[in-house]
Amino acid sequence: MGAVLSWLRAMMSSLRGGAAAAQHSAESSSEKSSVIVFNSPDQWQRHFNETKKIAKLMVVDFSASWCGNCKTMEPIFNAMPAKFTGVEFIKIDFDKFKDVAKEFGVQGVPTFVLLKQGKEVDRVVGANKDELEKKVKKHRVS
């Protein structure tokens, strides 16, 4: 249900010209993973501003196409929306969104920033699946 709500919110925002001309990455099983990928920093900023009003946990994956550890974490991250309902998962390309990465103090990839109402509540630096899952469990809204 959470994945559907996230998708609907993204589509509604897209219709309003908002954040979600965002595309959803697909898992290898052909099921939507509900990981939101933004096409521009402006789309990200509109979405980020909208989510400041919601207490829901947002997990932002700062990664890069050239990063081996990012590729290792990609299928794990893409599977998380099915495992952690009620959490929004976002993928940000470190190279295309340098200003956004700088705004969040991201110095290396992968970095996972956990946000609630626009404020950082935690972060995981590096390809540490167990630590990421532990922190998502800790901060998600039941």
Protein backbone atom coordinates (compact mmCIF):
# COMPACT_ATOMS: atom_id res chain seq x y z
CA MET A 1 0.00 0.00 0.00
CA GLY A 2 2.85 2.40 0.84
CA ALA A 3 4.48 1.83 -2.54
CA VAL A 4 1.18 2.57 -4.27
CA LEU A 5 0.73 5.78 -2.27
CA SER A 6 4.27 6.85 -3.08
CA TRP A 7 3.69 6.18 -6.77
CA LEU A 8 0.34 8.04 -6.73
CA ARG A 9 1.91 11.01 -4.94
CA ALA A 10 4.70 11.07 -7.52
CA MET A 11 2.23 10.93 -10.38
CA MET A 12 0.05 13.68 -8.90
CA SER A 13 3.11 15.84 -8.45
CA SER A 14 4.08 15.18 -12.05
CA LEU A 15 0.67 16.30 -13.26
CA ARG A 16 1.12 19.52 -11.29
CA GLY A 17 4.54 19.99 -12.88
CA GLY A 18 6.17 18.95 -9.63
CA ALA A 19 8.86 16.59 -8.63
CA ALA A 20 7.83 13.51 -10.26
CA ALA A 21 8.63 13.60 -13.76
CA ALA A 22 10.61 11.30 -11.57
CA GLN A 23 10.94 7.86 -12.96
CA HIS A 24 10.61 4.65 -11.03
CA SER A 25 13.38 2.09 -11.35
CA ALA A 26 12.25 -1.47 -11.94
CA GLU A 27 13.53 -4.46 -10.04
CA SER A 28 14.79 -7.37 -12.09
CA SER A 29 11.57 -9.24 -11.33
CA SER A 30 9.63 -6.70 -13.43
CA GLU A 31 7.85 -5.48 -10.29
CA LYS A 32 8.22 -1.76 -9.63
CA SER A 33 10.70 -1.09 -6.88
CA SER A 34 9.20 2.30 -6.02
CA VAL A 35 12.63 3.87 -5.85
CA ILE A 36 12.18 7.39 -7.21
CA VAL A 37 14.84 8.70 -9.58
CA PHE A 38 14.79 12.42 -10.41
CA ASN A 39 15.61 13.92 -13.81
CA SER A 40 16.65 17.36 -12.59
CA PRO A 41 17.71 19.19 -9.43
CA ASP A 42 14.57 21.37 -9.73
CA GLN A 43 12.33 18.29 -9.63
CA TRP A 44 14.21 17.02 -6.58
CA GLN A 45 13.91 20.40 -4.83
CA ARG A 46 10.15 20.61 -5.41
CA HIS A 47 9.68 17.08 -4.10
CA PHE A 48 11.96 17.70 -1.12
CA ASN A 49 10.03 20.86 -0.20
CA GLU A 50 6.71 18.98 -0.42
CA THR A 51 7.94 16.18 1.85
CA LYS A 52 8.98 18.58 4.61
CA LYS A 53 5.31 18.59 5.65
CA ILE A 54 5.18 14.80 6.08
CA ALA A 55 6.62 12.81 9.01
CA LYS A 56 7.39 9.84 6.74
CA LEU A 57 10.98 8.61 6.53
CA MET A 58 12.81 9.36 3.28
CA VAL A 59 16.00 7.45 2.44
CA VAL A 60 18.16 9.15 -0.18
CA ASP A 61 20.80 7.05 -1.94
CA PHE A 62 23.61 9.21 -3.29
CA SER A 63 25.40 7.01 -5.81
CA ALA A 64 27.32 7.12 -9.08
CA SER A 65 27.34 4.93 -12.19
CA TRP A 66 31.12 4.41 -11.95
CA CYS A 67 31.03 3.27 -8.30
CA GLY A 68 31.47 -0.46 -7.67
CA ASN A 69 30.05 -0.33 -4.14
CA CYS A 70 27.03 1.59 -5.48
CA LYS A 71 26.40 -1.20 -7.99
CA THR A 72 26.65 -3.74 -5.16
CA MET A 73 24.05 -1.84 -3.11
CA GLU A 74 21.69 -1.09 -6.01
CA PRO A 75 19.66 -4.36 -5.95
CA ILE A 76 19.56 -4.23 -2.15
CA PHE A 77 18.29 -0.63 -2.17
CA ASN A 78 15.79 -1.39 -4.97
CA ALA A 79 14.30 -4.22 -2.87
CA MET A 80 13.88 -2.08 0.26
CA PRO A 81 10.52 -0.45 -0.63
CA ALA A 82 8.87 -3.89 -0.63
CA LYS A 83 10.45 -4.67 2.73
CA PHE A 84 9.91 -1.30 4.41
CA THR A 85 6.46 0.02 3.59
CA GLY A 86 5.71 3.58 4.56
CA VAL A 87 9.25 4.69 3.70
CA GLU A 88 10.15 6.68 0.59
CA PHE A 89 13.31 5.63 -1.25
CA ILE A 90 15.07 8.12 -3.52
CA LYS A 91 18.11 7.67 -5.76
CA ILE A 92 20.25 10.72 -6.53
CA ASP A 93 23.07 10.64 -9.07
CA PHE A 94 26.07 12.14 -7.28
CA ASP A 95 27.61 13.41 -10.55
CA LYS A 96 24.44 15.00 -11.94
CA PHE A 97 23.29 16.52 -8.64
CA LYS A 98 26.56 17.90 -7.23
CA ASP A 99 24.82 20.85 -5.55
CA VAL A 100 22.32 18.56 -3.84
CA ALA A 101 25.13 16.26 -2.69
CA LYS A 102 27.04 19.28 -1.39
CA GLU A 103 23.92 20.57 0.42
CA PHE A 104 23.77 17.27 2.34
CA GLY A 105 27.52 17.10 2.96
CA VAL A 106 28.00 14.00 0.83
CA GLN A 107 31.69 13.50 0.17
CA GLY A 108 31.73 9.94 -1.12
CA VAL A 109 29.45 7.30 -2.56
CA PRO A 110 27.44 5.43 -1.70
CA THR A 111 25.99 7.60 1.04
CA PHE A 112 22.47 7.02 2.35
CA VAL A 113 20.87 10.02 4.05
CA LEU A 114 17.78 9.39 6.17
CA LEU A 115 15.43 12.37 6.41
CA LYS A 116 12.24 13.24 8.23
CA GLN A 117 10.43 16.48 7.49
CA GLY A 118 13.48 17.73 5.59
CA LYS A 119 15.89 17.14 8.46
CA GLU A 120 18.61 14.52 8.55
CA VAL A 121 18.00 11.93 11.26
CA ASP A 122 20.79 9.51 10.31
CA ARG A 123 23.18 8.45 7.57
CA VAL A 124 25.14 5.44 6.36
CA VAL A 125 28.36 5.91 4.42
CA GLY A 126 29.52 2.97 2.35
CA ALA A 127 28.05 -0.33 1.20
CA ASN A 128 26.78 -1.53 4.56
CA LYS A 129 23.45 -3.34 4.01
CA ASP A 130 22.98 -4.39 7.64
CA GLU A 131 23.63 -0.89 9.00
CA LEU A 132 21.27 0.67 6.44
CA GLU A 133 18.47 -1.77 7.26
CA LYS A 134 19.01 -1.25 11.00
CA LYS A 135 18.72 2.54 10.65
CA VAL A 136 15.67 2.36 8.36
CA LYS A 137 13.94 0.11 10.93
CA LYS A 138 14.88 2.51 13.72
CA HIS A 139 13.51 5.65 12.04
CA ARG A 140 10.51 4.52 9.99
CA VAL A 141 7.01 5.47 11.06
CA SER A 142 4.99 2.40 11.99
